[in-house]
Amino acid sequence: MAARARKKPLPKEAFPAHIESFAHDGRGVAHIEGKAVFIDGALPGEDVSFVYTAIRRDYAEGKVEEVVTPAPGRVQPRCPSFGVCGGCSFQHLADAAQIEEKEKLLADQFRHIGKIEDVPLWPPLTGPHWGYRRKARLGVKYVLKKGRVLVGFRERSSPFIADLASCAVLHPKVDERLQDMSELIGSLGIKDRLPQIEVAVGDERAALVFRILEDASPDDLDRLKAFGIRFEFDIYLQRHGPDSIVPLYPENPPMLSYSLLNQGIEFRFKPTDFTQINIDINRKMVDRVMEVLDPAPGDAVLDLFCGIGNFTLPIGKRASRVIGVEGSSESVERARENAEVNGLDNLEFHVADLCQSSDEPEWAKRRYDRILLDPSRAGAEEVLSYVPRWGASRIVYVSCNPSTLARDAGILVHRHGYRLVRAGVMDMFPQTAHVESIALFEKG
């Protein structure tokens, strides 16, 4: 058997580069001898020196060693762990410049993927740039050499947990307790058998779900309860899969909740239910959806990928009939509960995997006046073939991935005869390269 070829060692010296643009993940893009190089810590317009971290056949990767000519938008990162922690990628870019770059990326995706030129943009929806994150999955690791437990996000491009003293993007109730969580877990007998904490913050309460790989002792349970009492957290334990989550303190905690103030809606949810991480932007997002979707009495509206009814319920206060469809049966159960709590009886919910073709359910055979799409990063390509049959005059598409939004926009425009009227960025994830956006399509 022939010996496997050894990998060529990476050059140790630094190389100069001019940064031309951003990649979708927030890295700067340069071209060296015709090959694209994705460089951590670099901003468009900058001249930098960098070292290679990987060289592949079609592209290479690197990280900044020195910024020779900084971009006008470059700022000092607020977090001392920036560049190591994988939770943020844009802290070195001013807040206004982050929005500008995300708008450029959205327009570029429409142009290059959707083949749609000169899309008018709404003013961006913005909110708090720090302390906004109400949902998070924090990694936990007892490190023997450090003699303590690390709690935080994983390092960039690494399975290791970043050594964080604080995290300024997390809701302050969580950020202020990171070190206390570390000390708590370090005091447990199962400190090396607790890999994860799920965080959820509502308007009035906050919850921590501790994933444990073996049963906790009575002393460990007492310590966890005491933590919840002292810092006012609802404490849950997860021994196996999601179905194994049980409350520890209080024994029967009330559900978490958030309100949509301008819509007169309150949602109740469990800590592991999917909800938007940024409540300020979520409220503005729902208001904008209601404005541009513009449901009227007598309208039938289809809300696809409806989750727990974040859009469905507000639409139901204005339209005659609303159909919500979602792949998660737990989310649909929560949506029905929330519809009942809010006194809405004109809503109908169905469980269906919208990312796979299947036998046509009864709801898919109807006609609708308005359609709302809010898919995962994979987009909504599989359901767009139904659009001509549904006959909606207006479609609003909320997206967390500009690439799949642009792809689906191309389908709606070039295959199904819709016009992309306007689009815009919603700053759901400040300090990161993630782009939340919205687009309005009209027939003809």
Protein backbone atom coordinates (compact mmCIF):
# COMPACT_ATOMS: atom_id res chain seq x y z
CA MET A 1 0.00 0.00 0.00
CA ALA A 2 1.40 3.37 -0.97
CA ALA A 3 2.28 5.70 1.87
CA ARG A 4 -0.22 8.50 2.41
CA ALA A 5 1.14 11.87 1.30
CA ARG A 6 2.08 14.13 4.16
CA LYS A 7 0.41 17.48 4.49
CA LYS A 8 2.59 20.36 3.46
CA PRO A 9 3.51 22.43 6.54
CA LEU A 10 1.98 25.90 6.75
CA PRO A 11 4.31 28.85 6.17
CA LYS A 12 5.33 30.45 9.47
CA GLU A 13 5.93 33.93 8.13
CA ALA A 14 3.26 36.63 7.79
CA PHE A 15 2.04 37.79 4.37
CA PRO A 16 0.55 41.11 3.25
CA ALA A 17 -3.03 41.26 1.98
CA HIS A 18 -5.62 43.81 0.94
CA ILE A 19 -9.12 42.94 2.18
CA GLU A 20 -11.70 43.24 -0.56
CA SER A 21 -14.97 42.21 1.09
CA PHE A 22 -16.69 40.24 3.83
CA ALA A 23 -17.50 36.56 3.72
CA HIS A 24 -20.90 35.48 5.05
CA ASP A 25 -19.33 34.46 8.39
CA GLY A 26 -17.70 37.84 9.00
CA ARG A 27 -14.17 37.03 7.87
CA GLY A 28 -12.36 39.35 5.51
CA VAL A 29 -11.75 38.12 1.97
CA ALA A 30 -8.49 38.69 0.07
CA HIS A 31 -7.06 37.07 -3.04
CA ILE A 32 -3.47 35.84 -3.06
CA GLU A 33 -2.18 34.53 -6.40
CA GLY A 34 -5.76 34.08 -7.57
CA LYS A 35 -6.88 32.08 -4.53
CA ALA A 36 -9.46 33.38 -2.06
CA VAL A 37 -8.17 33.69 1.50
CA PHE A 38 -10.63 34.08 4.39
CA ILE A 39 -8.94 36.04 7.16
CA ASP A 40 -10.18 36.22 10.74
CA GLY A 41 -10.14 39.71 12.24
CA ALA A 42 -9.87 41.62 8.95
CA LEU A 43 -12.28 44.25 7.64
CA PRO A 44 -13.01 45.31 4.04
CA GLY A 45 -10.68 48.05 2.78
CA GLU A 46 -7.89 47.19 5.20
CA ASP A 47 -4.29 46.35 4.48
CA VAL A 48 -3.11 43.68 6.89
CA SER A 49 -0.42 41.13 7.47
CA PHE A 50 -1.70 37.64 8.21
CA VAL A 51 -0.56 34.10 8.83
CA TYR A 52 -2.09 31.04 7.20
CA THR A 53 -4.13 28.70 9.40
CA ALA A 54 -5.18 26.36 6.56
CA ILE A 55 -4.40 25.98 2.87
CA ARG A 56 -6.80 23.96 0.74
CA ARG A 57 -7.06 23.31 -2.97
CA ASP A 58 -9.61 26.03 -3.76
CA TYR A 59 -9.17 28.49 -0.88
CA ALA A 60 -7.13 29.26 2.20
CA GLU A 61 -7.73 30.56 5.71
CA GLY A 62 -5.74 32.86 7.93
CA LYS A 63 -5.80 35.25 10.86
CA VAL A 64 -4.63 38.83 11.20
CA GLU A 65 -1.19 39.42 12.68
CA GLU A 66 -1.16 43.20 12.22
CA VAL A 67 -3.56 45.79 10.82
CA VAL A 68 -1.41 48.05 8.66
CA THR A 69 -4.16 50.35 7.38
CA PRO A 70 -7.36 50.13 9.48
CA ALA A 71 -10.84 50.53 8.05
CA PRO A 72 -12.75 53.68 9.17
CA GLY A 73 -15.26 51.49 11.01
CA ARG A 74 -12.71 49.56 13.08
CA VAL A 75 -13.17 49.87 16.86
CA GLN A 76 -11.64 48.30 19.94
CA PRO A 77 -13.58 45.12 20.83
CA ARG A 78 -15.44 45.41 24.12
CA CYS A 79 -14.80 41.82 25.19
CA PRO A 80 -11.23 40.75 26.09
CA SER A 81 -12.05 37.26 24.74
CA PHE A 82 -13.01 38.53 21.28
CA GLY A 83 -11.10 36.64 18.62
CA VAL A 84 -10.93 33.54 20.80
CA CYS A 85 -14.59 33.05 21.75
CA GLY A 86 -16.80 31.95 18.89
CA GLY A 87 -19.88 33.78 20.16
CA CYS A 88 -19.13 37.06 18.36
CA SER A 89 -17.45 37.94 15.08
CA PHE A 90 -18.11 41.68 14.62
CA GLN A 91 -17.03 43.40 17.84
CA HIS A 92 -14.13 45.05 16.00
CA LEU A 93 -16.62 46.84 13.72
CA ALA A 94 -18.65 49.90 14.80
CA ASP A 95 -22.37 49.29 15.30
CA ALA A 96 -23.49 51.45 12.36
CA ALA A 97 -20.88 49.86 10.11
CA GLN A 98 -22.16 46.39 11.05
CA ILE A 99 -25.58 47.35 9.71
CA GLU A 100 -24.09 48.77 6.51
CA GLU A 101 -22.16 45.58 5.85
CA LYS A 102 -25.22 43.42 6.46
CA GLU A 103 -27.25 45.55 4.05
CA LYS A 104 -24.50 45.19 1.44
CA LEU A 105 -24.47 41.42 1.94
CA LEU A 106 -28.26 41.22 1.56
CA ALA A 107 -28.19 43.27 -1.66
CA ASP A 108 -25.28 41.21 -3.02
CA GLN A 109 -27.11 37.94 -2.37
CA PHE A 110 -30.23 39.20 -4.17
CA ARG A 111 -28.05 40.23 -7.11
CA HIS A 112 -25.78 37.19 -7.39
CA ILE A 113 -28.06 34.35 -6.25
CA GLY A 114 -31.57 35.63 -6.93
CA LYS A 115 -30.61 37.59 -10.08
CA ILE A 116 -32.62 40.56 -8.79
CA GLU A 117 -31.07 44.00 -9.15
CA ASP A 118 -31.55 47.23 -7.17
CA VAL A 119 -33.88 46.05 -4.42
CA PRO A 120 -35.21 49.03 -2.38
CA LEU A 121 -34.36 48.70 1.31
CA TRP A 122 -36.37 49.69 4.36
CA PRO A 123 -34.49 51.52 7.11
CA PRO A 124 -32.95 48.82 9.32
CA LEU A 125 -34.62 47.73 12.54
CA THR A 126 -32.14 48.25 15.36
CA GLY A 127 -32.16 47.85 19.13
CA PRO A 128 -29.72 47.30 21.99
CA HIS A 129 -26.26 46.25 20.80
CA TRP A 130 -25.33 44.65 24.13
CA GLY A 131 -27.14 42.57 26.72
CA TYR A 132 -29.79 41.54 24.21
CA ARG A 133 -29.40 37.77 24.14
CA ARG A 134 -32.18 36.01 26.08
CA LYS A 135 -31.62 32.48 24.77
CA ALA A 136 -28.29 30.66 24.74
CA ARG A 137 -26.75 27.22 25.00
CA LEU A 138 -23.64 27.52 27.14
CA GLY A 139 -20.91 24.92 27.13
CA VAL A 140 -19.53 23.68 30.46
CA LYS A 141 -16.16 22.01 31.07
CA TYR A 142 -14.25 21.14 34.21
CA VAL A 143 -10.59 21.72 33.36
CA LEU A 144 -8.32 19.84 35.74
CA LYS A 145 -5.21 21.86 34.85
CA LYS A 146 -7.02 25.12 35.60
CA GLY A 147 -8.67 23.64 38.67
CA ARG A 148 -12.03 25.17 37.81
CA VAL A 149 -15.07 24.99 35.58
CA LEU A 150 -15.39 27.02 32.37
CA VAL A 151 -18.87 28.24 31.38
CA GLY A 152 -19.44 30.00 28.08
CA PHE A 153 -19.42 29.66 24.32
CA ARG A 154 -17.00 27.49 22.41
CA GLU A 155 -13.79 28.92 21.04
CA ARG A 156 -13.77 29.95 17.40
CA SER A 157 -13.23 26.89 15.17
CA SER A 158 -12.57 24.76 18.23
CA PRO A 159 -14.43 22.32 20.51
CA PHE A 160 -12.91 23.94 23.62
CA ILE A 161 -14.92 26.25 25.91
CA ALA A 162 -13.69 29.85 25.92
CA ASP A 163 -12.42 31.07 29.28
CA LEU A 164 -14.92 33.90 29.86
CA ALA A 165 -15.15 36.18 32.88
CA SER A 166 -18.30 37.77 31.40
CA CYS A 167 -20.26 38.00 28.16
CA ALA A 168 -21.63 41.42 27.25
CA VAL A 169 -24.09 40.15 24.62
CA LEU A 170 -25.91 37.92 27.11
CA HIS A 171 -28.84 39.32 29.07
CA PRO A 172 -27.37 40.96 32.20
CA LYS A 173 -29.14 38.49 34.49
CA VAL A 174 -27.07 35.72 32.90
CA ASP A 175 -23.89 37.67 32.18
CA GLU A 176 -23.58 38.75 35.82
CA ARG A 177 -23.83 35.14 37.01
CA LEU A 178 -21.32 33.35 34.74
CA GLN A 179 -18.66 33.18 37.44
CA ASP A 180 -21.26 32.14 40.02
CA MET A 181 -22.34 29.31 37.70
CA SER A 182 -18.71 28.25 37.38
CA GLU A 183 -18.28 28.16 41.14
CA LEU A 184 -21.59 26.33 41.62
CA ILE A 185 -20.71 23.57 39.16
CA GLY A 186 -17.18 23.34 40.57
CA SER A 187 -18.72 22.53 43.97
CA LEU A 188 -20.80 19.63 42.63
CA GLY A 189 -19.87 15.98 42.78
CA ILE A 190 -20.86 15.72 39.10
CA LYS A 191 -18.82 18.76 37.99
CA ASP A 192 -17.18 16.69 35.23
CA ARG A 193 -20.51 15.18 34.15
CA LEU A 194 -22.35 18.42 33.36
CA PRO A 195 -21.60 19.55 29.78
CA GLN A 196 -24.22 22.19 29.05
CA ILE A 197 -26.60 24.84 30.41
CA GLU A 198 -29.60 26.01 28.40
CA VAL A 199 -30.48 29.63 29.23
CA ALA A 200 -33.90 31.23 28.72
CA VAL A 201 -34.95 34.67 29.95
CA GLY A 202 -38.56 35.85 29.83
CA ASP A 203 -40.05 39.22 30.68
CA GLU A 204 -40.50 38.30 34.36
CA ARG A 205 -38.55 35.08 35.02
CA ALA A 206 -35.35 33.33 33.93
CA ALA A 207 -34.55 29.62 33.70
CA LEU A 208 -31.44 27.44 33.59
CA VAL A 209 -31.60 23.88 32.27
CA PHE A 210 -28.60 21.85 33.47
CA ARG A 211 -27.73 18.88 31.23
CA ILE A 212 -26.35 16.12 33.46
CA LEU A 213 -24.80 12.81 32.38
CA GLU A 214 -25.40 11.01 35.66
CA ASP A 215 -27.81 11.39 38.54
CA ALA A 216 -27.06 14.20 40.97
CA SER A 217 -26.57 13.42 44.64
CA PRO A 218 -28.92 14.90 47.29
CA ASP A 219 -26.13 17.36 48.20
CA ASP A 220 -25.76 18.42 44.55
CA LEU A 221 -29.52 18.92 44.27
CA ASP A 222 -29.50 21.09 47.39
CA ARG A 223 -26.70 23.25 45.94
CA LEU A 224 -28.55 23.69 42.64
CA LYS A 225 -31.76 24.63 44.46
CA ALA A 226 -29.90 27.11 46.66
CA PHE A 227 -28.43 28.74 43.52
CA GLY A 228 -31.92 29.15 42.07
CA ILE A 229 -33.23 30.66 45.30
CA ARG A 230 -30.29 33.04 45.75
CA PHE A 231 -30.17 34.38 42.19
CA GLU A 232 -33.85 33.97 41.25
CA PHE A 233 -33.56 31.35 38.51
CA ASP A 234 -35.95 28.53 37.75
CA ILE A 235 -33.74 25.41 37.78
CA TYR A 236 -34.36 22.40 35.54
CA LEU A 237 -32.42 19.16 35.07
CA GLN A 238 -32.05 17.22 31.81
CA ARG A 239 -30.79 13.67 32.39
CA HIS A 240 -31.28 12.29 28.86
CA GLY A 241 -33.10 13.74 25.81
CA PRO A 242 -35.39 16.81 25.75
CA ASP A 243 -38.31 14.71 27.04
CA SER A 244 -36.40 14.08 30.28
CA ILE A 245 -36.32 17.75 31.38
CA VAL A 246 -37.86 18.18 34.83
CA PRO A 247 -38.08 21.16 37.19
CA LEU A 248 -35.96 21.12 40.33
CA TYR A 249 -36.76 24.55 41.74
CA PRO A 250 -39.54 25.57 42.11
CA GLU A 251 -41.30 22.22 41.96
CA ASN A 252 -43.98 23.64 39.65
CA PRO A 253 -42.54 26.81 38.10
CA PRO A 254 -44.85 29.01 36.03
CA MET A 255 -44.05 29.15 32.33
CA LEU A 256 -41.78 31.86 31.01
CA SER A 257 -43.45 34.60 29.00
CA TYR A 258 -42.86 37.53 26.67
CA SER A 259 -45.24 40.16 25.40
CA LEU A 260 -45.76 41.86 22.05
CA LEU A 261 -46.71 45.24 23.44
CA ASN A 262 -48.14 46.87 20.31
CA GLN A 263 -50.08 43.75 19.36
CA GLY A 264 -51.65 43.10 22.76
CA ILE A 265 -50.35 39.51 22.82
CA GLU A 266 -48.58 37.56 25.56
CA PHE A 267 -46.76 34.29 24.87
CA ARG A 268 -46.00 31.58 27.38
CA PHE A 269 -43.16 29.20 26.64
CA LYS A 270 -40.93 26.51 28.13
CA PRO A 271 -37.18 27.09 28.47
CA THR A 272 -36.37 24.81 25.53
CA ASP A 273 -39.07 26.12 23.18
CA PHE A 274 -37.76 28.08 20.20
CA THR A 275 -38.19 31.81 20.72
CA GLN A 276 -36.27 34.73 19.27
CA ILE A 277 -33.17 35.61 21.28
CA ASN A 278 -33.65 39.39 20.97
CA ILE A 279 -37.05 40.48 22.31
CA ASP A 280 -36.60 44.16 21.38
CA ILE A 281 -36.02 43.33 17.72
CA ASN A 282 -38.68 40.62 17.78
CA ARG A 283 -41.29 43.19 18.84
CA LYS A 284 -40.22 45.57 16.07
CA MET A 285 -40.09 42.68 13.58
CA VAL A 286 -43.65 41.60 14.35
CA ASP A 287 -44.84 45.20 14.04
CA ARG A 288 -43.19 45.49 10.61
CA VAL A 289 -44.64 42.17 9.45
CA MET A 290 -48.11 43.32 10.47
CA GLU A 291 -47.61 46.60 8.64
CA VAL A 292 -46.44 45.11 5.34
CA LEU A 293 -48.49 41.91 5.33
CA ASP A 294 -51.51 44.10 6.10
CA PRO A 295 -54.08 41.38 6.86
CA ALA A 296 -57.66 42.59 6.69
CA PRO A 297 -61.01 41.32 7.96
CA GLY A 298 -62.16 38.63 5.56
CA ASP A 299 -58.61 37.55 4.67
CA ALA A 300 -57.38 33.96 4.88
CA VAL A 301 -53.69 33.93 5.85
CA LEU A 302 -51.18 31.07 5.77
CA ASP A 303 -48.28 31.25 8.25
CA LEU A 304 -45.60 28.68 7.36
CA PHE A 305 -42.89 27.68 9.85
CA CYS A 306 -45.08 29.33 12.50
CA GLY A 307 -43.27 28.07 15.64
CA ILE A 308 -45.22 28.90 18.79
CA GLY A 309 -47.32 31.45 16.88
CA ASN A 310 -45.06 34.53 17.12
CA PHE A 311 -46.69 35.96 13.98
CA THR A 312 -49.80 33.78 13.80
CA LEU A 313 -51.49 35.23 16.87
CA PRO A 314 -51.06 38.91 15.93
CA ILE A 315 -52.33 38.12 12.42
CA GLY A 316 -55.30 36.35 13.99
CA LYS A 317 -56.38 39.58 15.68
CA ARG A 318 -56.90 41.17 12.26
CA ALA A 319 -57.67 38.43 9.71
CA SER A 320 -60.74 36.20 9.60
CA ARG A 321 -58.87 32.89 9.38
CA VAL A 322 -55.21 32.01 9.94
CA ILE A 323 -53.56 28.65 9.31
CA GLY A 324 -50.23 28.04 11.09
CA VAL A 325 -48.00 25.16 9.97
CA GLU A 326 -44.89 23.98 11.81
CA GLY A 327 -42.70 20.87 11.88
CA SER A 328 -42.37 20.65 15.67
CA SER A 329 -45.37 19.11 17.42
CA GLU A 330 -44.26 20.71 20.71
CA SER A 331 -44.24 24.17 19.11
CA VAL A 332 -47.70 23.58 17.66
CA GLU A 333 -48.96 22.50 21.08
CA ARG A 334 -47.57 25.72 22.56
CA ALA A 335 -49.12 27.78 19.74
CA ARG A 336 -52.54 26.31 20.45
CA GLU A 337 -52.14 26.99 24.17
CA ASN A 338 -51.16 30.59 23.49
CA ALA A 339 -54.08 31.10 21.11
CA GLU A 340 -56.44 29.94 23.86
CA VAL A 341 -54.77 32.12 26.51
CA ASN A 342 -55.14 35.15 24.23
CA GLY A 343 -58.76 34.39 23.42
CA LEU A 344 -58.25 33.69 19.70
CA ASP A 345 -60.52 31.03 18.16
CA ASN A 346 -59.98 31.75 14.46
CA LEU A 347 -56.58 30.03 14.31
CA GLU A 348 -55.86 26.54 13.02
CA PHE A 349 -52.52 24.79 13.52
CA HIS A 350 -51.01 21.79 11.72
CA VAL A 351 -47.85 19.75 12.18
CA ALA A 352 -45.99 19.17 8.90
CA ASP A 353 -42.38 18.89 7.76
CA LEU A 354 -42.22 21.75 5.30
CA CYS A 355 -38.73 20.82 4.17
CA GLN A 356 -39.86 17.56 2.55
CA SER A 357 -42.41 16.80 -0.13
CA SER A 358 -45.28 14.58 1.02
CA ASP A 359 -48.93 13.83 0.35
CA GLU A 360 -50.87 17.05 0.09
CA PRO A 361 -52.66 17.84 3.35
CA GLU A 362 -56.06 19.50 3.29
CA TRP A 363 -54.69 22.91 4.32
CA ALA A 364 -52.35 22.94 1.30
CA LYS A 365 -55.28 22.66 -1.13
CA ARG A 366 -56.94 25.92 -0.06
CA ARG A 367 -56.46 29.43 -1.40
CA TYR A 368 -55.04 32.27 0.67
CA ASP A 369 -55.00 36.06 0.47
CA ARG A 370 -51.70 36.50 2.31
CA ILE A 371 -48.74 34.20 3.06
CA LEU A 372 -46.03 34.57 5.69
CA LEU A 373 -42.82 32.52 5.53
CA ASP A 374 -40.34 32.32 8.41
CA PRO A 375 -38.15 29.26 7.68
CA SER A 376 -34.92 28.02 9.20
CA ARG A 377 -31.57 28.71 7.52
CA ALA A 378 -32.40 26.07 4.88
CA GLY A 379 -35.09 28.31 3.45
CA ALA A 380 -38.51 27.46 1.99
CA GLU A 381 -37.72 26.08 -1.47
CA GLU A 382 -39.72 22.86 -1.00
CA VAL A 383 -43.04 24.63 -0.35
CA LEU A 384 -42.73 27.32 -3.03
CA SER A 385 -44.15 25.01 -5.70
CA TYR A 386 -47.55 25.41 -3.98
CA VAL A 387 -47.49 29.20 -4.24
CA PRO A 388 -49.31 29.50 -7.62
CA ARG A 389 -52.13 27.31 -6.33
CA TRP A 390 -52.52 29.34 -3.15
CA GLY A 391 -52.96 32.51 -5.20
CA ALA A 392 -51.87 34.99 -2.52
CA SER A 393 -51.54 38.59 -3.68
CA ARG A 394 -48.91 39.34 -1.04
CA ILE A 395 -46.11 37.29 0.53
CA VAL A 396 -43.87 38.36 3.41
CA TYR A 397 -40.67 36.35 3.94
CA VAL A 398 -38.69 36.58 7.19
CA SER A 399 -35.23 35.05 6.93
CA CYS A 400 -32.17 34.28 9.05
CA ASN A 401 -30.07 33.39 5.97
CA PRO A 402 -29.66 35.92 3.10
CA SER A 403 -28.43 33.21 0.72
CA THR A 404 -31.54 31.05 0.91
CA LEU A 405 -33.77 34.14 0.98
CA ALA A 406 -32.15 35.29 -2.27
CA ARG A 407 -32.53 31.83 -3.82
CA ASP A 408 -36.21 31.68 -2.87
CA ALA A 409 -36.76 35.26 -4.00
CA GLY A 410 -35.46 34.26 -7.41
CA ILE A 411 -38.02 31.43 -7.52
CA LEU A 412 -40.89 33.72 -6.54
CA VAL A 413 -39.88 36.40 -9.03
CA HIS A 414 -38.66 34.44 -12.05
CA ARG A 415 -40.91 31.36 -11.84
CA HIS A 416 -44.07 32.50 -10.12
CA GLY A 417 -44.45 36.08 -11.33
CA TYR A 418 -44.10 37.96 -8.04
CA ARG A 419 -42.36 41.30 -7.68
CA LEU A 420 -39.86 41.93 -4.89
CA VAL A 421 -41.18 45.24 -3.60
CA ARG A 422 -38.79 45.93 -0.74
CA ALA A 423 -36.48 44.25 1.73
CA GLY A 424 -34.59 45.16 4.86
CA VAL A 425 -32.21 44.12 7.61
CA MET A 426 -33.31 43.55 11.21
CA ASP A 427 -30.43 43.60 13.69
CA MET A 428 -31.43 40.49 15.64
CA PHE A 429 -27.81 39.46 16.29
CA PRO A 430 -25.56 42.49 16.97
CA GLN A 431 -21.80 41.82 17.19
CA THR A 432 -22.20 38.77 14.94
CA ALA A 433 -22.25 38.20 11.19
CA HIS A 434 -25.74 36.66 11.29
CA VAL A 435 -28.23 38.59 9.15
CA GLU A 436 -31.96 38.61 9.91
CA SER A 437 -33.97 40.12 7.08
CA ILE A 438 -37.47 40.62 5.71
CA ALA A 439 -38.79 40.88 2.15
CA LEU A 440 -42.17 41.80 0.67
CA PHE A 441 -43.44 40.22 -2.56
CA GLU A 442 -46.55 41.20 -4.49
CA LYS A 443 -48.20 39.49 -7.41
CA GLY A 444 -47.74 41.10 -10.81
